[in-house]
Amino acid sequence: MLCSAIKALSAPAISVASIDCERIPNAAAEALTFAPLTITAFHAEHSPGGPNDFHSNADYGWPDPSKPNGLPYVQRDGE
């Protein structure tokens, strides 16, 4: 119904609305079935905390060569 109204109002030139009037609502309906992507869905590899803890690698942090797993990072700010 909406598509026929859009097509009737469209000028003779190519109209994206008239071409995509069925594809766009179908794609939107499909997108609504997807689970939302949240920041808590991704676990920070080096964070010892839970999903709600903030973790950021230091801007000038380097793995500590004296530690076998490279943690904690050594601060080398400005180097």
Protein backbone atom coordinates (compact mmCIF):
# COMPACT_ATOMS: atom_id res chain seq x y z
CA MET A 1 0.00 0.00 0.00
CA LEU A 2 2.72 2.47 1.01
CA CYS A 3 4.86 1.44 -1.96
CA SER A 4 2.08 2.07 -4.45
CA ALA A 5 1.49 5.53 -2.93
CA ILE A 6 5.21 6.33 -3.15
CA LYS A 7 5.38 5.14 -6.75
CA ALA A 8 2.33 7.24 -7.66
CA LEU A 9 3.92 10.37 -6.17
CA SER A 10 7.37 9.76 -7.65
CA ALA A 11 8.53 11.90 -10.51
CA PRO A 12 9.37 10.19 -13.82
CA ALA A 13 13.10 10.36 -12.95
CA ILE A 14 14.66 7.49 -11.03
CA SER A 15 13.38 7.47 -7.46
CA VAL A 16 15.23 5.53 -4.78
CA ALA A 17 12.04 5.49 -2.68
CA SER A 18 10.09 3.75 -5.42
CA ILE A 19 12.87 1.23 -6.06
CA ASP A 20 13.61 0.38 -2.42
CA CYS A 21 10.16 0.81 -0.88
CA GLU A 22 9.88 -2.94 -0.28
CA ARG A 23 13.53 -3.82 0.37
CA ILE A 24 14.11 -1.25 3.11
CA PRO A 25 11.20 -2.27 5.41
CA ASN A 26 12.08 -5.95 4.90
CA ALA A 27 15.72 -5.29 5.80
CA ALA A 28 14.63 -3.26 8.84
CA ALA A 29 12.33 -6.05 10.03
CA GLU A 30 15.18 -8.54 9.67
CA ALA A 31 17.57 -6.26 11.57
CA LEU A 32 15.13 -6.13 14.49
CA THR A 33 15.54 -9.89 14.97
CA PHE A 34 19.28 -9.60 15.65
CA ALA A 35 20.58 -9.43 19.21
CA PRO A 36 22.05 -6.03 20.03
CA LEU A 37 25.84 -5.78 20.10
CA THR A 38 26.94 -4.38 23.44
CA ILE A 39 30.35 -3.48 24.79
CA THR A 40 29.91 -6.09 27.55
CA ALA A 41 29.61 -8.83 24.91
CA PHE A 42 33.35 -8.54 24.24
CA HIS A 43 35.78 -9.53 26.99
CA ALA A 44 39.07 -7.64 27.20
CA GLU A 45 41.80 -10.28 26.99
CA HIS A 46 44.04 -8.72 29.65
CA SER A 47 41.28 -7.56 32.01
CA PRO A 48 41.02 -9.49 35.27
CA GLY A 49 37.61 -7.96 35.96
CA GLY A 50 34.10 -8.83 34.91
CA PRO A 51 32.13 -7.65 31.87
CA ASN A 52 31.19 -4.34 33.49
CA ASP A 53 34.74 -3.34 34.45
CA PHE A 54 36.47 -0.77 32.29
CA HIS A 55 39.83 -1.82 30.90
CA SER A 56 42.19 0.10 28.66
CA ASN A 57 45.74 -0.65 27.66
CA ALA A 58 48.06 2.19 28.57
CA ASP A 59 49.02 4.56 25.78
CA TYR A 60 52.73 4.13 26.51
CA GLY A 61 52.64 0.74 28.22
CA TRP A 62 54.97 -2.01 27.14
CA PRO A 63 55.03 -5.69 28.17
CA ASP A 64 57.44 -6.30 31.04
CA PRO A 65 60.24 -8.48 29.59
CA SER A 66 61.02 -9.91 33.05
CA LYS A 67 57.51 -11.44 33.29
CA PRO A 68 56.82 -14.65 31.32
CA ASN A 69 53.32 -13.60 30.22
CA GLY A 70 54.21 -9.93 29.69
CA LEU A 71 51.90 -8.61 32.41
CA PRO A 72 51.73 -6.16 34.02
CA TYR A 73 52.74 -3.53 31.51
CA VAL A 74 55.67 -1.21 32.21
CA GLN A 75 54.87 2.47 31.89
CA ARG A 76 57.16 4.27 29.46
CA ASP A 77 55.31 7.53 29.16
CA GLY A 78 56.92 9.80 26.61
CA GLU A 79 59.48 7.30 25.33
